[in-house]
PDB file of N, CA and C in Angstrom:
ATOM      1  N   UNK A   1     -11.097 -21.124   2.222  1.00  0.00           N
ATOM      2  CA  UNK A   1     -10.992 -20.450   2.995  1.00  0.00           C
ATOM      3  C   UNK A   1     -12.231 -20.073   3.567  1.00  0.00           C
ATOM      4  N   UNK A   2     -12.797 -20.723   4.874  1.00  0.00           N
ATOM      5  CA  UNK A   2     -13.962 -19.744   5.401  1.00  0.00           C
ATOM      6  C   UNK A   2     -13.850 -18.510   5.798  1.00  0.00           C
ATOM      7  N   UNK A   3     -14.904 -18.175   6.405  1.00  0.00           N
ATOM      8  CA  UNK A   3     -14.480 -16.155   6.988  1.00  0.00           C
ATOM      9  C   UNK A   3     -14.570 -16.838   8.134  1.00  0.00           C
ATOM     10  N   UNK A   4     -14.802 -17.501   8.868  1.00  0.00           N
ATOM     11  CA  UNK A   4     -14.556 -17.861  10.294  1.00  0.00           C
ATOM     12  C   UNK A   4     -12.331 -18.599  10.126  1.00  0.00           C
ATOM     13  N   UNK A   5     -12.089 -18.831   9.168  1.00  0.00           N
ATOM     14  CA  UNK A   5     -10.853 -19.183   9.090  1.00  0.00           C
ATOM     15  C   UNK A   5     -10.313 -17.932   8.827  1.00  0.00           C
ATOM     16  N   UNK A   6     -10.514 -16.819   7.997  1.00  0.00           N
ATOM     17  CA  UNK A   6      -9.830 -15.638   8.215  1.00  0.00           C
ATOM     18  C   UNK A   6      -9.651 -15.003   8.900  1.00  0.00           C
ATOM     19  N   UNK A   7     -10.642 -15.064  10.022  1.00  0.00           N
ATOM     20  CA  UNK A   7     -10.590 -14.154  11.468  1.00  0.00           C
ATOM     21  C   UNK A   7      -9.579 -15.095  12.199  1.00  0.00           C
ATOM     22  N   UNK A   8      -9.734 -16.411  12.214  1.00  0.00           N
ATOM     23  CA  UNK A   8      -8.956 -17.118  13.144  1.00  0.00           C
ATOM     24  C   UNK A   8      -7.212 -16.945  12.480  1.00  0.00           C
ATOM     25  N   UNK A   9      -7.161 -16.849  11.522  1.00  0.00           N
ATOM     26  CA  UNK A   9      -5.913 -16.379  10.477  1.00  0.00           C
ATOM     27  C   UNK A   9      -5.366 -14.857  11.515  1.00  0.00           C
ATOM     28  N   UNK A  10      -6.090 -14.058  11.243  1.00  0.00           N
ATOM     29  CA  UNK A  10      -6.231 -12.829  11.702  1.00  0.00           C
ATOM     30  C   UNK A  10      -5.247 -12.798  12.767  1.00  0.00           C
ATOM     31  N   UNK A  11      -6.392 -13.270  14.224  1.00  0.00           N
ATOM     32  CA  UNK A  11      -5.640 -13.549  15.437  1.00  0.00           C
ATOM     33  C   UNK A  11      -4.272 -13.904  15.573  1.00  0.00           C
ATOM     34  N   UNK A  12      -3.744 -15.215  14.569  1.00  0.00           N
ATOM     35  CA  UNK A  12      -2.970 -15.880  15.022  1.00  0.00           C
ATOM     36  C   UNK A  12      -1.810 -14.425  14.303  1.00  0.00           C
ATOM     37  N   UNK A  13      -2.091 -14.192  13.193  1.00  0.00           N
ATOM     38  CA  UNK A  13      -0.906 -12.910  13.001  1.00  0.00           C
ATOM     39  C   UNK A  13      -0.654 -11.793  13.683  1.00  0.00           C
ATOM     40  N   UNK A  14      -1.905 -11.279  14.041  1.00  0.00           N
ATOM     41  CA  UNK A  14      -1.852  -9.888  15.107  1.00  0.00           C
ATOM     42  C   UNK A  14      -1.793 -10.268  16.428  1.00  0.00           C
ATOM     43  N   UNK A  15      -2.051 -11.331  16.424  1.00  0.00           N
ATOM     44  CA  UNK A  15      -2.070 -11.209  18.640  1.00  0.00           C
ATOM     45  C   UNK A  15      -3.605 -10.990  19.190  1.00  0.00           C
ATOM     46  N   UNK A  16      -4.617 -10.572  18.609  1.00  0.00           N
ATOM     47  CA  UNK A  16      -5.506  -9.907  18.945  1.00  0.00           C
ATOM     48  C   UNK A  16      -7.068 -10.713  18.116  1.00  0.00           C
ATOM     49  N   UNK A  17      -7.668 -10.598  18.889  1.00  0.00           N
ATOM     50  CA  UNK A  17      -9.077 -11.054  18.594  1.00  0.00           C
ATOM     51  C   UNK A  17      -9.881 -10.712  17.604  1.00  0.00           C
ATOM     52  N   UNK A  18     -10.789 -10.844  16.929  1.00  0.00           N
ATOM     53  CA  UNK A  18     -11.595 -10.034  16.180  1.00  0.00           C
ATOM     54  C   UNK A  18     -12.133  -9.120  17.170  1.00  0.00           C
ATOM     55  N   UNK A  19     -12.742  -9.082  18.382  1.00  0.00           N
ATOM     56  CA  UNK A  19     -13.419  -8.782  18.929  1.00  0.00           C
ATOM     57  C   UNK A  19     -12.396  -7.472  19.488  1.00  0.00           C
ATOM     58  N   UNK A  20     -11.190  -7.609  19.705  1.00  0.00           N
ATOM     59  CA  UNK A  20     -10.100  -6.501  20.247  1.00  0.00           C
ATOM     60  C   UNK A  20     -10.059  -6.087  18.757  1.00  0.00           C
ATOM     61  N   UNK A  21      -9.822  -6.008  18.005  1.00  0.00           N
ATOM     62  CA  UNK A  21      -9.498  -5.030  16.566  1.00  0.00           C
ATOM     63  C   UNK A  21     -10.732  -4.498  16.604  1.00  0.00           C
ATOM     64  N   UNK A  22     -11.883  -4.955  16.657  1.00  0.00           N
ATOM     65  CA  UNK A  22     -13.501  -4.353  16.227  1.00  0.00           C
ATOM     66  C   UNK A  22     -13.337  -3.088  17.309  1.00  0.00           C
ATOM     67  N   UNK A  23     -13.101  -3.124  18.639  1.00  0.00           N
ATOM     68  CA  UNK A  23     -13.076  -2.173  19.440  1.00  0.00           C
ATOM     69  C   UNK A  23     -11.833  -0.848  19.227  1.00  0.00           C
ATOM     70  N   UNK A  24     -10.776  -1.340  18.535  1.00  0.00           N
ATOM     71  CA  UNK A  24     -10.097  -0.602  17.727  1.00  0.00           C
ATOM     72  C   UNK A  24     -10.151   0.383  17.035  1.00  0.00           C
ATOM     73  N   UNK A  25     -11.037  -0.625  16.256  1.00  0.00           N
ATOM     74  CA  UNK A  25     -11.712   0.101  14.872  1.00  0.00           C
ATOM     75  C   UNK A  25     -12.614   1.346  15.271  1.00  0.00           C
ATOM     76  N   UNK A  26     -13.435   0.507  16.638  1.00  0.00           N
ATOM     77  CA  UNK A  26     -14.280   1.968  16.418  1.00  0.00           C
ATOM     78  C   UNK A  26     -13.880   2.752  17.739  1.00  0.00           C
ATOM     79  N   UNK A  27     -13.141   2.738  18.160  1.00  0.00           N
ATOM     80  CA  UNK A  27     -12.151   3.859  18.929  1.00  0.00           C
ATOM     81  C   UNK A  27     -11.479   5.029  17.631  1.00  0.00           C
ATOM     82  N   UNK A  28     -10.830   4.508  16.474  1.00  0.00           N
ATOM     83  CA  UNK A  28     -10.938   5.260  15.610  1.00  0.00           C
ATOM     84  C   UNK A  28     -11.998   5.868  14.344  1.00  0.00           C
ATOM     85  N   UNK A  29     -13.508   5.517  15.187  1.00  0.00           N
ATOM     86  CA  UNK A  29     -14.376   5.656  14.517  1.00  0.00           C
ATOM     87  C   UNK A  29     -14.845   5.413  12.895  1.00  0.00           C
ATOM     88  N   UNK A  30     -13.961   3.987  12.762  1.00  0.00           N
ATOM     89  CA  UNK A  30     -14.237   3.211  11.666  1.00  0.00           C
ATOM     90  C   UNK A  30     -15.650   2.310  11.631  1.00  0.00           C
ATOM     91  N   UNK A  31     -15.944   2.232  12.793  1.00  0.00           N
ATOM     92  CA  UNK A  31     -17.555   1.922  12.870  1.00  0.00           C
ATOM     93  C   UNK A  31     -18.561   2.466  11.989  1.00  0.00           C
ATOM     94  N   UNK A  32     -18.668   3.714  11.567  1.00  0.00           N
ATOM     95  CA  UNK A  32     -19.346   4.884  11.014  1.00  0.00           C
ATOM     96  C   UNK A  32     -19.760   4.303   9.794  1.00  0.00           C
ATOM     97  N   UNK A  33     -20.737   4.282   9.365  1.00  0.00           N
ATOM     98  CA  UNK A  33     -21.321   4.064   8.039  1.00  0.00           C
ATOM     99  C   UNK A  33     -20.517   4.563   6.702  1.00  0.00           C
ATOM    100  N   UNK A  34     -20.398   5.987   6.876  1.00  0.00           N
ATOM    101  CA  UNK A  34     -19.984   6.758   6.261  1.00  0.00           C
ATOM    102  C   UNK A  34     -18.245   6.177   5.608  1.00  0.00           C
ATOM    103  N   UNK A  35     -17.616   5.721   6.643  1.00  0.00           N
ATOM    104  CA  UNK A  35     -16.097   5.271   6.627  1.00  0.00           C
ATOM    105  C   UNK A  35     -15.927   4.354   5.465  1.00  0.00           C
ATOM    106  N   UNK A  36     -15.135   4.174   4.478  1.00  0.00           N
ATOM    107  CA  UNK A  36     -14.839   3.485   2.993  1.00  0.00           C
ATOM    108  C   UNK A  36     -13.885   2.038   3.923  1.00  0.00           C
ATOM    109  N   UNK A  37     -14.484   1.163   3.041  1.00  0.00           N
ATOM    110  CA  UNK A  37     -13.449  -0.118   3.243  1.00  0.00           C
ATOM    111  C   UNK A  37     -12.104   0.715   3.481  1.00  0.00           C
ATOM    112  N   UNK A  38     -11.760   1.014   2.156  1.00  0.00           N
ATOM    113  CA  UNK A  38     -10.357   1.214   1.635  1.00  0.00           C
ATOM    114  C   UNK A  38      -9.582   1.997   2.763  1.00  0.00           C
ATOM    115  N   UNK A  39      -9.850   3.206   3.673  1.00  0.00           N
ATOM    116  CA  UNK A  39      -9.652   3.366   4.795  1.00  0.00           C
ATOM    117  C   UNK A  39      -9.187   2.558   5.847  1.00  0.00           C
ATOM    118  N   UNK A  40     -10.151   1.734   6.299  1.00  0.00           N
ATOM    119  CA  UNK A  40      -9.935   0.613   7.082  1.00  0.00           C
ATOM    120  C   UNK A  40      -8.950  -0.510   6.752  1.00  0.00           C
ATOM    121  N   UNK A  41      -8.980  -1.109   5.576  1.00  0.00           N
ATOM    122  CA  UNK A  41      -7.821  -1.632   5.188  1.00  0.00           C
ATOM    123  C   UNK A  41      -6.960  -1.569   4.916  1.00  0.00           C
ATOM    124  N   UNK A  42      -6.388   0.261   4.619  1.00  0.00           N
ATOM    125  CA  UNK A  42      -5.215   0.800   4.664  1.00  0.00           C
ATOM    126  C   UNK A  42      -4.493   0.837   6.345  1.00  0.00           C
ATOM    127  N   UNK A  43      -5.514   1.079   7.235  1.00  0.00           N
ATOM    128  CA  UNK A  43      -5.258   0.752   8.589  1.00  0.00           C
ATOM    129  C   UNK A  43      -4.581  -0.328   9.350  1.00  0.00           C
ATOM    130  N   UNK A  44      -5.521  -1.663   8.654  1.00  0.00           N
ATOM    131  CA  UNK A  44      -5.027  -2.678   9.030  1.00  0.00           C
ATOM    132  C   UNK A  44      -3.731  -3.086   8.298  1.00  0.00           C
ATOM    133  N   UNK A  45      -3.686  -2.879   6.865  1.00  0.00           N
ATOM    134  CA  UNK A  45      -2.295  -3.359   6.282  1.00  0.00           C
ATOM    135  C   UNK A  45      -1.091  -2.302   6.890  1.00  0.00           C
ATOM    136  N   UNK A  46      -1.292  -1.144   7.501  1.00  0.00           N
ATOM    137  CA  UNK A  46       0.014  -0.332   7.889  1.00  0.00           C
ATOM    138  C   UNK A  46       0.098  -0.921   9.210  1.00  0.00           C
ATOM    139  N   UNK A  47      -0.962  -1.209  10.408  1.00  0.00           N
ATOM    140  CA  UNK A  47      -0.605  -1.285  12.090  1.00  0.00           C
ATOM    141  C   UNK A  47      -0.541  -3.163  12.388  1.00  0.00           C
ATOM    142  N   UNK A  48      -0.982  -3.698  11.073  1.00  0.00           N
ATOM    143  CA  UNK A  48      -1.024  -5.325  11.504  1.00  0.00           C
ATOM    144  C   UNK A  48      -0.204  -5.958  10.572  1.00  0.00           C
ATOM    145  N   UNK A  49      -0.098  -5.285   9.303  1.00  0.00           N
ATOM    146  CA  UNK A  49       0.576  -6.024   8.049  1.00  0.00           C
ATOM    147  C   UNK A  49      -0.604  -7.104   7.069  1.00  0.00           C
ATOM    148  N   UNK A  50      -1.678  -7.011   7.623  1.00  0.00           N
ATOM    149  CA  UNK A  50      -2.901  -7.778   6.991  1.00  0.00           C
ATOM    150  C   UNK A  50      -3.027  -7.518   5.578  1.00  0.00           C
ATOM    151  N   UNK A  51      -2.936  -8.342   4.566  1.00  0.00           N
ATOM    152  CA  UNK A  51      -3.516  -8.651   3.252  1.00  0.00           C
ATOM    153  C   UNK A  51      -5.124  -7.923   2.971  1.00  0.00           C
ATOM    154  N   UNK A  52      -5.064  -7.844   1.515  1.00  0.00           N
ATOM    155  CA  UNK A  52      -6.675  -7.086   0.976  1.00  0.00           C
ATOM    156  C   UNK A  52      -7.610  -8.391   1.848  1.00  0.00           C
ATOM    157  N   UNK A  53      -7.618  -9.190   1.086  1.00  0.00           N
ATOM    158  CA  UNK A  53      -8.492 -10.346   1.657  1.00  0.00           C
ATOM    159  C   UNK A  53      -8.949 -10.526   3.003  1.00  0.00           C
ATOM    160  N   UNK A  54      -7.665 -10.636   4.062  1.00  0.00           N
ATOM    161  CA  UNK A  54      -7.728 -10.766   5.552  1.00  0.00           C
ATOM    162  C   UNK A  54      -8.522  -9.370   6.207  1.00  0.00           C
ATOM    163  N   UNK A  55      -8.237  -8.608   5.787  1.00  0.00           N
ATOM    164  CA  UNK A  55      -8.889  -7.192   6.131  1.00  0.00           C
ATOM    165  C   UNK A  55     -10.404  -6.997   5.533  1.00  0.00           C
ATOM    166  N   UNK A  56     -10.766  -7.361   4.307  1.00  0.00           N
ATOM    167  CA  UNK A  56     -12.291  -7.591   3.719  1.00  0.00           C
ATOM    168  C   UNK A  56     -12.953  -8.058   4.662  1.00  0.00           C
ATOM    169  N   UNK A  57     -12.433  -9.243   5.077  1.00  0.00           N
ATOM    170  CA  UNK A  57     -13.327  -9.921   6.193  1.00  0.00           C
ATOM    171  C   UNK A  57     -13.891  -9.137   7.313  1.00  0.00           C
ATOM    172  N   UNK A  58     -12.480  -8.539   7.834  1.00  0.00           N
ATOM    173  CA  UNK A  58     -12.715  -7.769   9.403  1.00  0.00           C
ATOM    174  C   UNK A  58     -13.450  -6.587   9.078  1.00  0.00           C
ATOM    175  N   UNK A  59     -13.222  -5.901   8.068  1.00  0.00           N
ATOM    176  CA  UNK A  59     -14.099  -4.828   7.736  1.00  0.00           C
ATOM    177  C   UNK A  59     -15.722  -5.405   7.462  1.00  0.00           C
ATOM    178  N   UNK A  60     -15.913  -6.776   7.358  1.00  0.00           N
ATOM    179  CA  UNK A  60     -17.710  -6.676   6.964  1.00  0.00           C
ATOM    180  C   UNK A  60     -17.625  -7.086   8.553  1.00  0.00           C
ATOM    181  N   UNK A  61     -17.114  -7.651   9.487  1.00  0.00           N
ATOM    182  CA  UNK A  61     -17.318  -7.488  10.658  1.00  0.00           C
ATOM    183  C   UNK A  61     -17.441  -6.033  11.413  1.00  0.00           C
ATOM    184  N   UNK A  62     -16.610  -5.425  11.178  1.00  0.00           N
ATOM    185  CA  UNK A  62     -16.492  -3.601  11.590  1.00  0.00           C
ATOM    186  C   UNK A  62     -17.741  -3.121  11.592  1.00  0.00           C
ATOM    187  N   UNK A  63     -18.072  -3.283  10.396  1.00  0.00           N
ATOM    188  CA  UNK A  63     -19.186  -2.658   9.943  1.00  0.00           C
ATOM    189  C   UNK A  63     -20.478  -3.269   9.651  1.00  0.00           C
ATOM    190  N   UNK A  64     -20.727  -4.728  10.169  1.00  0.00           N
ATOM    191  CA  UNK A  64     -21.799  -5.360   9.922  1.00  0.00           C
ATOM    192  C   UNK A  64     -22.297  -6.521  11.394  1.00  0.00           C
ATOM    193  N   UNK A  65     -21.270  -6.684  12.086  1.00  0.00           N
ATOM    194  CA  UNK A  65     -21.403  -7.536  13.269  1.00  0.00           C
ATOM    195  C   UNK A  65     -20.864  -8.680  12.901  1.00  0.00           C
ATOM    196  N   UNK A  66     -21.567  -9.766  13.797  1.00  0.00           N
ATOM    197  CA  UNK A  66     -20.668 -11.360  13.587  1.00  0.00           C
ATOM    198  C   UNK A  66     -21.467 -11.903  12.741  1.00  0.00           C
ATOM    199  N   UNK A  67     -22.916 -11.779  12.477  1.00  0.00           N
ATOM    200  CA  UNK A  67     -23.460 -12.163  11.542  1.00  0.00           C
ATOM    201  C   UNK A  67     -23.395 -11.849   9.867  1.00  0.00           C
ATOM    202  N   UNK A  68     -23.574 -13.528   9.307  1.00  0.00           N
ATOM    203  CA  UNK A  68     -22.887 -13.721   7.579  1.00  0.00           C
ATOM    204  C   UNK A  68     -24.112 -13.581   7.081  1.00  0.00           C
ATOM    205  N   UNK A  69     -24.323 -14.145   5.723  1.00  0.00           N
ATOM    206  CA  UNK A  69     -24.926 -14.390   5.122  1.00  0.00           C
ATOM    207  C   UNK A  69     -25.005 -15.963   4.989  1.00  0.00           C
ATOM    208  N   UNK A  70     -26.216 -16.230   4.965  1.00  0.00           N
ATOM    209  CA  UNK A  70     -26.539 -17.934   5.007  1.00  0.00           C
ATOM    210  C   UNK A  70     -25.947 -18.714   3.521  1.00  0.00           C
ATOM    211  N   UNK A  71     -25.695 -18.071   2.900  1.00  0.00           N
ATOM    212  CA  UNK A  71     -25.207 -18.610   1.587  1.00  0.00           C
ATOM    213  C   UNK A  71     -23.294 -19.132   2.040  1.00  0.00           C
ATOM    214  N   UNK A  72     -23.121 -18.638   3.024  1.00  0.00           N
ATOM    215  CA  UNK A  72     -21.710 -19.236   3.300  1.00  0.00           C
ATOM    216  C   UNK A  72     -22.014 -20.021   4.286  1.00  0.00           C
ATOM    217  N   UNK A  73     -23.023 -21.123   5.121  1.00  0.00           N
ATOM    218  CA  UNK A  73     -23.206 -21.785   5.796  1.00  0.00           C
ATOM    219  C   UNK A  73     -23.386 -23.398   5.095  1.00  0.00           C
ATOM    220  N   UNK A  74     -22.804 -24.374   5.632  1.00  0.00           N
ATOM    221  CA  UNK A  74     -23.067 -25.691   5.249  1.00  0.00           C
ATOM    222  C   UNK A  74     -22.827 -26.049   3.672  1.00  0.00           C
ATOM    223  N   UNK A  75     -21.939 -25.157   3.108  1.00  0.00           N
ATOM    224  CA  UNK A  75     -22.020 -25.215   1.944  1.00  0.00           C
ATOM    225  C   UNK A  75     -20.630 -26.655   1.316  1.00  0.00           C
ATOM    226  N   UNK A  76     -20.553 -27.194   0.691  1.00  0.00           N
ATOM    227  CA  UNK A  76     -19.521 -27.906   0.375  1.00  0.00           C
ATOM    228  C   UNK A  76     -18.383 -27.382  -0.205  1.00  0.00           C
ATOM    229  N   UNK A  77     -17.038 -28.304   0.263  1.00  0.00           N
ATOM    230  CA  UNK A  77     -15.531 -27.373  -0.123  1.00  0.00           C
ATOM    231  C   UNK A  77     -15.360 -26.232   1.200  1.00  0.00           C
ATOM    232  N   UNK A  78     -14.051 -25.544   0.928  1.00  0.00           N
ATOM    233  CA  UNK A  78     -13.722 -25.171   2.097  1.00  0.00           C
ATOM    234  C   UNK A  78     -13.926 -24.083   2.226  1.00  0.00           C
ATOM    235  N   UNK A  79     -14.748 -23.102   2.003  1.00  0.00           N
ATOM    236  CA  UNK A  79     -15.281 -22.020   2.202  1.00  0.00           C
ATOM    237  C   UNK A  79     -16.587 -21.965   3.026  1.00  0.00           C
ATOM    238  N   UNK A  80     -16.642 -22.984   3.257  1.00  0.00           N
ATOM    239  CA  UNK A  80     -18.124 -22.830   4.194  1.00  0.00           C
ATOM    240  C   UNK A  80     -17.709 -22.574   5.481  1.00  0.00           C
ATOM    241  N   UNK A  81     -18.666 -22.214   6.304  1.00  0.00           N
ATOM    242  CA  UNK A  81     -18.690 -22.128   7.576  1.00  0.00           C
ATOM    243  C   UNK A  81     -19.896 -22.617   8.357  1.00  0.00           C
ATOM    244  N   UNK A  82     -19.414 -23.164   9.734  1.00  0.00           N
ATOM    245  CA  UNK A  82     -20.206 -23.819  10.407  1.00  0.00           C
ATOM    246  C   UNK A  82     -21.643 -23.511  10.774  1.00  0.00           C
ATOM    247  N   UNK A  83     -21.547 -21.984  10.604  1.00  0.00           N
ATOM    248  CA  UNK A  83     -22.885 -21.373  11.061  1.00  0.00           C
ATOM    249  C   UNK A  83     -22.976 -19.541  11.140  1.00  0.00           C
ATOM    250  N   UNK A  84     -24.170 -19.311  10.799  1.00  0.00           N
ATOM    251  CA  UNK A  84     -23.915 -17.906  10.179  1.00  0.00           C
ATOM    252  C   UNK A  84     -23.645 -16.893  11.144  1.00  0.00           C
ATOM    253  N   UNK A  85     -23.069 -17.210  12.108  1.00  0.00           N
ATOM    254  CA  UNK A  85     -22.989 -16.374  13.398  1.00  0.00           C
ATOM    255  C   UNK A  85     -21.556 -16.874  13.761  1.00  0.00           C
ATOM    256  N   UNK A  86     -20.269 -15.398  13.342  1.00  0.00           N
ATOM    257  CA  UNK A  86     -18.900 -15.990  13.475  1.00  0.00           C
ATOM    258  C   UNK A  86     -18.335 -15.612  15.069  1.00  0.00           C
ATOM    259  N   UNK A  87     -17.836 -16.517  15.234  1.00  0.00           N
ATOM    260  CA  UNK A  87     -17.062 -16.445  16.944  1.00  0.00           C
ATOM    261  C   UNK A  87     -15.857 -15.091  16.894  1.00  0.00           C
ATOM    262  N   UNK A  88     -16.189 -14.100  17.394  1.00  0.00           N
ATOM    263  CA  UNK A  88     -15.317 -13.511  17.440  1.00  0.00           C
ATOM    264  C   UNK A  88     -14.404 -12.931  18.985  1.00  0.00           C
ATOM    265  N   UNK A  89     -14.665 -13.792  19.726  1.00  0.00           N
ATOM    266  CA  UNK A  89     -13.752 -14.075  21.084  1.00  0.00           C
ATOM    267  C   UNK A  89     -12.777 -14.664  21.006  1.00  0.00           C
ATOM    268  N   UNK A  90     -12.329 -15.026  19.971  1.00  0.00           N
ATOM    269  CA  UNK A  90     -11.235 -15.402  20.331  1.00  0.00           C
ATOM    270  C   UNK A  90     -10.980 -17.168  20.184  1.00  0.00           C
ATOM    271  N   UNK A  91      -9.524 -17.283  20.015  1.00  0.00           N
ATOM    272  CA  UNK A  91      -9.507 -18.975  19.697  1.00  0.00           C
ATOM    273  C   UNK A  91      -9.310 -19.784  20.771  1.00  0.00           C
ATOM    274  N   UNK A  92      -9.074 -18.868  21.740  1.00  0.00           N
ATOM    275  CA  UNK A  92      -8.654 -19.397  23.258  1.00  0.00           C
ATOM    276  C   UNK A  92     -10.075 -19.454  23.853  1.00  0.00           C
ATOM    277  N   UNK A  93     -11.229 -19.484  23.320  1.00  0.00           N
ATOM    278  CA  UNK A  93     -12.554 -19.839  23.628  1.00  0.00           C
ATOM    279  C   UNK A  93     -13.480 -20.171  23.055  1.00  0.00           C
ATOM    280  N   UNK A  94     -12.672 -21.408  22.078  1.00  0.00           N
ATOM    281  CA  UNK A  94     -13.343 -22.048  20.888  1.00  0.00           C
ATOM    282  C   UNK A  94     -13.799 -23.427  21.286  1.00  0.00           C
ATOM    283  N   UNK A  95     -13.670 -23.445  22.376  1.00  0.00           N
ATOM    284  CA  UNK A  95     -13.889 -24.847  22.855  1.00  0.00           C
ATOM    285  C   UNK A  95     -15.149 -24.706  23.947  1.00  0.00           C
ATOM    286  N   UNK A  96     -15.545 -23.512  24.381  1.00  0.00           N
ATOM    287  CA  UNK A  96     -16.661 -22.784  25.613  1.00  0.00           C
ATOM    288  C   UNK A  96     -17.420 -22.751  24.595  1.00  0.00           C
ATOM    289  N   UNK A  97     -18.675 -23.003  25.169  1.00  0.00           N
ATOM    290  CA  UNK A  97     -20.040 -22.261  24.856  1.00  0.00           C
ATOM    291  C   UNK A  97     -20.147 -20.937  24.658  1.00  0.00           C
TER     292      UNK A  97
END
C-alpha cells in the first residue's frame, strides 16, 4: 500500500481528512518533536480505531509534514507514490489542482 493510500484509507475510516487529523494532533500538542510516536498511535487507536500501520503513516505527517522520501516515489509495485508530496486536503479535492 502506498503512503497516500494509507492516508486515503484513514480518511475513509475516520471521516476526517489528513489535514483535519493533523490539526487535532497539533491541538493536543502532538506536533512537539518530544512527543513519542506511541502516544500519538495510542490516541489514534482510542479515538479513531486506527491500527498501528495507518497510525504510523499519520505520525509521519504530523511530525514531518506532507513530504516523503524520494525512495517511495515512482517505484514498481503496490508501495509506490506518484509524488514525494502527499495530498492532505482529502479525497474530495483529489481531482482538483
